[in-house]
Amino acid sequence: MNPLLAEFSKSFHEATGLPIQLHAPGAFSISQDAGIPAFCRVMAVGRKSCEKCVTSHLALQDPIGIKTRTSKCFAGLTSSAVPVVRQGEPVGFLHTGHASVNGEVGCGQPGQKCVVPGGRKPTTCSGACLELPKLSASAYEGALGLVRLFSAQLASTIIPGSEGTSYSAIEHLVRQIRNDVSHDWRLPELALAAGMHPGYFSEQFHQHTGSTLTAFLATLRVEKAKSLLEFTAHSISEVAFASGFRSISQFNRVFKSQAGFAPGQIRSDRSHDAANASPENARARRR
């Protein structure tokens, strides 16, 4: 963790009771975040509940990086995301909250019925609500003010691509793709590896590489195919599959679209050049 963030996180928690974590844009995790209260973990045991929690927190991230967004999750807890902006772009978000503001969630009495928002039936308290941060609305807004001040300080020291920011995962995956273009790379798997929502990963990938994943793969694969056609004796079908294409028809279509000519043309040109360079032709040209 960034040393400045670690120091602020400790002091901030001691002063307000609120956790704080730096997340990459488009990324949020429940299971890996030690700062999330046990109450949230209990509420998010089911897959649908977990998805609701992640979705609600991702919605807090302003893609433009201008606003601090605050909302209540499906369980009634108040949370916020403060953008960390560098060179006009959000490189991360400081998530805080998971708080019972004005005592809206919890009961403080294990074994009793917990207050559950949204008209849901009260449930027997497990005691998890006891550790929830509990603040008044004004105290919560004051805490957010501190986070906003800190985000400006953090932005001046953070390096895009460091832990908790958006670019390190993408750069790492781009290197993997370049090193193994024949692999069947898929957007959902890459987004999962980057810890991002697929839609946001696609946006960030385009911003980082200047092209879509499909176009990026096509360019790399055609370049590899050109090299194999030029310098090996592999058949065209062998070249196609070695370059990451899944069918000959796909290979021919993408190759011609990228290169402007059919893959077989390279072999024809090479054969023609070899024939012209033969000793017999050389003697014929000298006569």
Protein backbone atom coordinates (compact mmCIF):
# COMPACT_ATOMS: atom_id res chain seq x y z
CA MET A 1 0.00 0.00 0.00
CA ASN A 2 1.10 3.54 -0.71
CA PRO A 3 2.80 4.74 2.54
CA LEU A 4 0.88 8.03 2.49
CA LEU A 5 -2.40 6.16 2.06
CA ALA A 6 -1.51 3.71 4.83
CA GLU A 7 -0.81 6.55 7.26
CA PHE A 8 -3.96 8.45 6.33
CA SER A 9 -6.10 5.30 6.45
CA LYS A 10 -4.99 4.56 10.01
CA SER A 11 -5.54 8.12 11.25
CA PHE A 12 -8.83 8.48 9.38
CA HIS A 13 -10.21 5.27 10.89
CA GLU A 14 -9.13 6.24 14.39
CA ALA A 15 -10.77 9.67 14.06
CA THR A 16 -14.00 8.71 12.29
CA GLY A 17 -14.39 4.94 12.58
CA LEU A 18 -14.68 4.77 8.79
CA PRO A 19 -12.62 2.44 6.59
CA ILE A 20 -11.00 3.71 3.42
CA GLN A 21 -9.59 1.82 0.44
CA LEU A 22 -8.11 2.87 -2.89
CA HIS A 23 -9.72 1.06 -5.82
CA ALA A 24 -8.90 1.16 -9.50
CA PRO A 25 -11.64 2.65 -11.69
CA GLY A 26 -14.16 -0.06 -12.44
CA ALA A 27 -12.92 -2.26 -9.61
CA PHE A 28 -14.47 -3.11 -6.27
CA SER A 29 -14.23 -6.27 -4.19
CA ILE A 30 -15.95 -7.39 -1.02
CA SER A 31 -14.02 -10.52 -0.10
CA GLN A 32 -10.56 -8.98 -0.40
CA ASP A 33 -11.21 -5.74 1.47
CA ALA A 34 -10.32 -6.09 5.14
CA GLY A 35 -11.81 -2.66 5.88
CA ILE A 36 -15.35 -3.71 4.99
CA PRO A 37 -17.40 -4.42 8.14
CA ALA A 38 -18.53 -7.94 9.00
CA PHE A 39 -22.11 -6.74 8.58
CA CYS A 40 -21.45 -6.21 4.85
CA ARG A 41 -19.84 -9.62 4.52
CA VAL A 42 -22.84 -11.24 6.19
CA MET A 43 -25.29 -9.37 3.94
CA ALA A 44 -23.29 -10.30 0.84
CA VAL A 45 -23.08 -14.04 1.47
CA GLY A 46 -25.53 -14.82 -1.33
CA ARG A 47 -24.36 -14.35 -4.88
CA LYS A 48 -27.19 -11.97 -5.78
CA SER A 49 -26.57 -9.88 -2.68
CA CYS A 50 -22.86 -9.79 -3.45
CA GLU A 51 -23.53 -8.63 -7.00
CA LYS A 52 -25.88 -5.91 -5.73
CA CYS A 53 -23.21 -4.68 -3.34
CA VAL A 54 -20.48 -4.56 -5.98
CA THR A 55 -22.80 -2.90 -8.50
CA SER A 56 -23.91 -0.22 -6.05
CA HIS A 57 -20.32 0.64 -5.15
CA LEU A 58 -19.13 0.70 -8.75
CA ALA A 59 -21.96 3.15 -9.48
CA LEU A 60 -20.36 5.53 -6.98
CA GLN A 61 -17.36 6.01 -9.26
CA ASP A 62 -17.74 9.11 -11.40
CA PRO A 63 -16.13 8.16 -14.75
CA ILE A 64 -15.23 11.79 -15.43
CA GLY A 65 -13.54 12.07 -12.06
CA ILE A 66 -15.21 15.31 -11.00
CA LYS A 67 -17.79 14.43 -8.37
CA THR A 68 -17.81 12.67 -5.06
CA ARG A 69 -20.76 10.33 -5.17
CA THR A 70 -22.68 9.14 -2.10
CA SER A 71 -25.56 6.70 -1.88
CA LYS A 72 -27.15 4.02 0.25
CA CYS A 73 -26.68 0.39 -0.68
CA PHE A 74 -29.50 -2.14 -0.68
CA ALA A 75 -28.78 -2.84 3.01
CA GLY A 76 -29.22 0.84 3.91
CA LEU A 77 -25.59 1.69 4.59
CA THR A 78 -24.17 4.96 3.31
CA SER A 79 -20.99 4.83 1.22
CA SER A 80 -19.05 7.23 -0.98
CA ALA A 81 -16.29 7.29 -3.59
CA VAL A 82 -13.93 10.23 -3.94
CA PRO A 83 -11.99 10.40 -7.24
CA VAL A 84 -8.20 10.63 -7.26
CA VAL A 85 -7.41 12.68 -10.36
CA ARG A 86 -4.05 12.95 -12.09
CA GLN A 87 -3.51 14.91 -15.31
CA GLY A 88 -7.26 15.35 -15.67
CA GLU A 89 -8.05 11.64 -15.50
CA PRO A 90 -9.34 9.56 -12.56
CA VAL A 91 -6.61 7.02 -11.76
CA GLY A 92 -8.33 5.66 -8.66
CA PHE A 93 -11.18 6.12 -6.19
CA LEU A 94 -11.07 6.39 -2.43
CA HIS A 95 -14.01 4.35 -1.17
CA THR A 96 -15.29 4.95 2.34
CA GLY A 97 -18.49 4.59 4.28
CA HIS A 98 -20.36 1.32 4.94
CA ALA A 99 -21.79 3.50 7.69
CA SER A 100 -25.06 3.68 9.55
CA VAL A 101 -25.84 7.38 9.23
CA ASN A 102 -28.27 8.75 11.82
CA GLY A 103 -28.75 5.23 13.17
CA GLU A 104 -30.65 3.93 10.17
CA VAL A 105 -29.19 0.41 10.29
CA GLY A 106 -28.71 -1.99 13.19
CA CYS A 107 -30.05 -2.32 16.71
CA GLY A 108 -27.03 -2.68 18.96
CA GLN A 109 -28.66 -5.58 20.78
CA PRO A 110 -27.51 -9.06 19.71
CA GLY A 111 -30.36 -11.52 19.59
CA GLN A 112 -32.94 -8.78 18.99
CA LYS A 113 -34.46 -7.72 15.68
CA CYS A 114 -32.22 -5.54 13.54
CA VAL A 115 -33.56 -2.48 11.75
CA VAL A 116 -33.59 -3.36 8.06
CA PRO A 117 -34.24 -0.58 5.52
CA GLY A 118 -36.35 -0.68 2.39
CA GLY A 119 -39.37 -2.31 3.99
CA ARG A 120 -37.62 -5.65 4.43
CA LYS A 121 -38.59 -7.79 7.37
CA PRO A 122 -36.39 -7.38 10.48
CA THR A 123 -33.87 -10.15 11.03
CA THR A 124 -32.39 -11.49 14.23
CA CYS A 125 -29.24 -9.57 15.04
CA SER A 126 -26.02 -11.54 14.67
CA GLY A 127 -24.02 -8.86 16.44
CA ALA A 128 -22.32 -7.84 13.21
CA CYS A 129 -24.06 -4.46 13.27
CA LEU A 130 -22.26 -3.57 16.50
CA GLU A 131 -19.05 -2.74 14.64
CA LEU A 132 -20.71 -0.61 11.97
CA PRO A 133 -19.43 2.96 11.82
CA LYS A 134 -22.20 5.14 13.23
CA LEU A 135 -22.17 8.85 12.44
CA SER A 136 -24.54 11.76 12.18
CA ALA A 137 -25.14 13.17 8.69
CA SER A 138 -23.02 16.24 9.45
CA ALA A 139 -20.15 14.14 10.85
CA TYR A 140 -20.22 11.95 7.73
CA GLU A 141 -20.05 15.00 5.46
CA GLY A 142 -17.13 16.31 7.50
CA ALA A 143 -15.31 13.01 7.06
CA LEU A 144 -15.85 13.21 3.29
CA GLY A 145 -14.32 16.67 3.33
CA LEU A 146 -11.15 15.19 4.81
CA VAL A 147 -11.07 12.50 2.13
CA ARG A 148 -11.43 15.10 -0.63
CA LEU A 149 -8.51 17.09 0.76
CA PHE A 150 -6.44 13.94 1.02
CA SER A 151 -7.27 12.83 -2.54
CA ALA A 152 -5.58 15.95 -3.91
CA GLN A 153 -2.46 15.23 -1.84
CA LEU A 154 -2.47 11.56 -2.83
CA ALA A 155 -2.81 12.42 -6.53
CA SER A 156 0.42 14.42 -6.40
CA THR A 157 2.38 11.39 -5.19
CA ILE A 158 0.64 8.46 -6.84
CA ILE A 159 2.05 6.86 -9.98
CA PRO A 160 -0.50 5.65 -12.53
CA GLY A 161 -0.07 1.89 -12.68
CA SER A 162 0.69 1.49 -8.98
CA GLU A 163 -1.42 -0.64 -6.66
CA GLY A 164 -5.03 0.55 -6.56
CA THR A 165 -4.89 2.47 -9.84
CA SER A 166 -6.21 1.54 -13.21
CA TYR A 167 -3.20 1.10 -15.46
CA SER A 168 -0.92 -1.54 -13.92
CA ALA A 169 -3.34 -4.38 -14.60
CA ILE A 170 -3.92 -3.29 -18.19
CA GLU A 171 -0.22 -2.87 -18.92
CA HIS A 172 0.46 -6.31 -17.46
CA LEU A 173 -2.26 -7.90 -19.60
CA VAL A 174 -1.09 -6.09 -22.73
CA ARG A 175 2.37 -7.59 -22.20
CA GLN A 176 0.81 -11.03 -21.76
CA ILE A 177 -1.18 -10.65 -24.97
CA ARG A 178 1.90 -9.54 -26.92
CA ASN A 179 3.86 -12.51 -25.59
CA ASP A 180 1.17 -15.04 -26.49
CA VAL A 181 -0.98 -13.80 -29.37
CA SER A 182 -2.07 -17.34 -30.22
CA HIS A 183 -4.00 -17.65 -26.95
CA ASP A 184 -7.78 -17.35 -27.16
CA TRP A 185 -8.02 -14.05 -25.31
CA ARG A 186 -11.55 -13.07 -24.26
CA LEU A 187 -12.78 -9.76 -22.84
CA PRO A 188 -14.61 -11.20 -19.79
CA GLU A 189 -11.57 -13.18 -18.66
CA LEU A 190 -9.22 -10.22 -19.16
CA ALA A 191 -11.57 -7.91 -17.27
CA LEU A 192 -11.75 -10.42 -14.41
CA ALA A 193 -7.95 -10.65 -14.31
CA ALA A 194 -7.76 -6.84 -14.18
CA GLY A 195 -10.40 -6.66 -11.45
CA MET A 196 -12.64 -4.45 -13.57
CA HIS A 197 -16.15 -4.51 -14.94
CA PRO A 198 -15.96 -5.70 -18.60
CA GLY A 199 -17.42 -2.45 -19.92
CA TYR A 200 -14.99 -0.30 -17.99
CA PHE A 201 -12.07 -2.57 -18.87
CA SER A 202 -12.94 -2.15 -22.54
CA GLU A 203 -12.93 1.64 -22.17
CA GLN A 204 -9.62 1.68 -20.30
CA PHE A 205 -8.03 -0.78 -22.73
CA HIS A 206 -8.99 1.47 -25.66
CA GLN A 207 -7.66 4.53 -23.85
CA HIS A 208 -4.38 2.76 -23.03
CA THR A 209 -3.73 1.09 -26.42
CA GLY A 210 -5.65 3.32 -28.81
CA SER A 211 -7.72 0.42 -30.15
CA THR A 212 -10.34 -2.10 -29.14
CA LEU A 213 -9.29 -5.52 -27.91
CA THR A 214 -10.52 -7.10 -31.16
CA ALA A 215 -8.53 -4.69 -33.34
CA PHE A 216 -5.47 -4.96 -31.11
CA LEU A 217 -5.46 -8.76 -31.37
CA ALA A 218 -6.06 -8.64 -35.12
CA THR A 219 -3.06 -6.37 -35.69
CA LEU A 220 -0.71 -8.48 -33.57
CA ARG A 221 -1.87 -11.74 -35.12
CA VAL A 222 -1.56 -10.52 -38.69
CA GLU A 223 1.96 -9.23 -38.00
CA LYS A 224 2.94 -12.63 -36.61
CA ALA A 225 1.35 -14.36 -39.58
CA LYS A 226 3.31 -12.17 -42.01
CA SER A 227 6.54 -13.14 -40.28
CA LEU A 228 5.72 -16.85 -40.35
CA LEU A 229 4.70 -16.72 -44.01
CA GLU A 230 7.88 -14.88 -44.91
CA PHE A 231 10.45 -16.82 -42.94
CA THR A 232 9.07 -20.34 -42.41
CA ALA A 233 7.85 -23.17 -44.59
CA HIS A 234 4.66 -23.69 -42.53
CA SER A 235 1.50 -24.19 -44.54
CA ILE A 236 -1.01 -21.35 -44.56
CA SER A 237 -3.32 -23.32 -42.26
CA GLU A 238 -0.46 -23.91 -39.80
CA VAL A 239 0.39 -20.22 -39.88
CA ALA A 240 -3.24 -19.29 -39.26
CA PHE A 241 -3.60 -21.40 -36.13
CA ALA A 242 -0.11 -20.57 -34.84
CA SER A 243 -1.06 -16.88 -35.06
CA GLY A 244 -4.18 -17.29 -32.94
CA PHE A 245 -6.89 -17.51 -35.58
CA ARG A 246 -9.61 -20.09 -35.00
CA SER A 247 -10.44 -20.86 -38.63
CA ILE A 248 -8.95 -20.43 -42.10
CA SER A 249 -11.88 -18.29 -43.21
CA GLN A 250 -11.36 -15.95 -40.24
CA PHE A 251 -7.64 -15.80 -40.97
CA ASN A 252 -8.15 -14.93 -44.65
CA ARG A 253 -10.78 -12.31 -43.87
CA VAL A 254 -8.85 -10.56 -41.08
CA PHE A 255 -5.49 -10.79 -42.87
CA LYS A 256 -6.85 -9.21 -46.05
CA SER A 257 -8.63 -6.51 -44.06
CA GLN A 258 -5.44 -5.62 -42.17
CA ALA A 259 -2.81 -6.13 -44.89
CA GLY A 260 -4.79 -5.26 -48.00
CA PHE A 261 -3.92 -8.51 -49.77
CA ALA A 262 -4.45 -12.25 -49.28
CA PRO A 263 -1.95 -14.22 -47.14
CA GLY A 264 -1.03 -16.43 -50.08
CA GLN A 265 0.37 -13.38 -51.87
CA ILE A 266 3.40 -13.35 -49.58
CA ARG A 267 4.26 -16.90 -50.59
CA SER A 268 3.73 -16.09 -54.28
CA ASP A 269 6.01 -13.05 -54.05
CA ARG A 270 8.63 -15.06 -52.16
CA SER A 271 8.56 -17.84 -54.79
CA HIS A 272 8.88 -15.27 -57.57
CA ASP A 273 11.85 -13.60 -55.86
CA ALA A 274 13.51 -16.98 -55.31
CA ALA A 275 13.06 -17.92 -58.95
CA ASN A 276 14.57 -14.64 -60.14
CA ALA A 277 17.52 -15.18 -57.84
CA SER A 278 18.30 -18.69 -59.18
CA PRO A 279 21.68 -19.23 -61.01
CA GLU A 280 19.92 -20.04 -64.29
CA ASN A 281 17.98 -16.79 -64.29
CA ALA A 282 21.06 -14.87 -63.26
CA ARG A 283 22.97 -16.25 -66.29
CA ALA A 284 20.01 -15.52 -68.57
CA ARG A 285 19.91 -11.91 -67.44
CA ARG A 286 23.65 -11.51 -68.18
CA ARG A 287 23.26 -12.66 -71.83
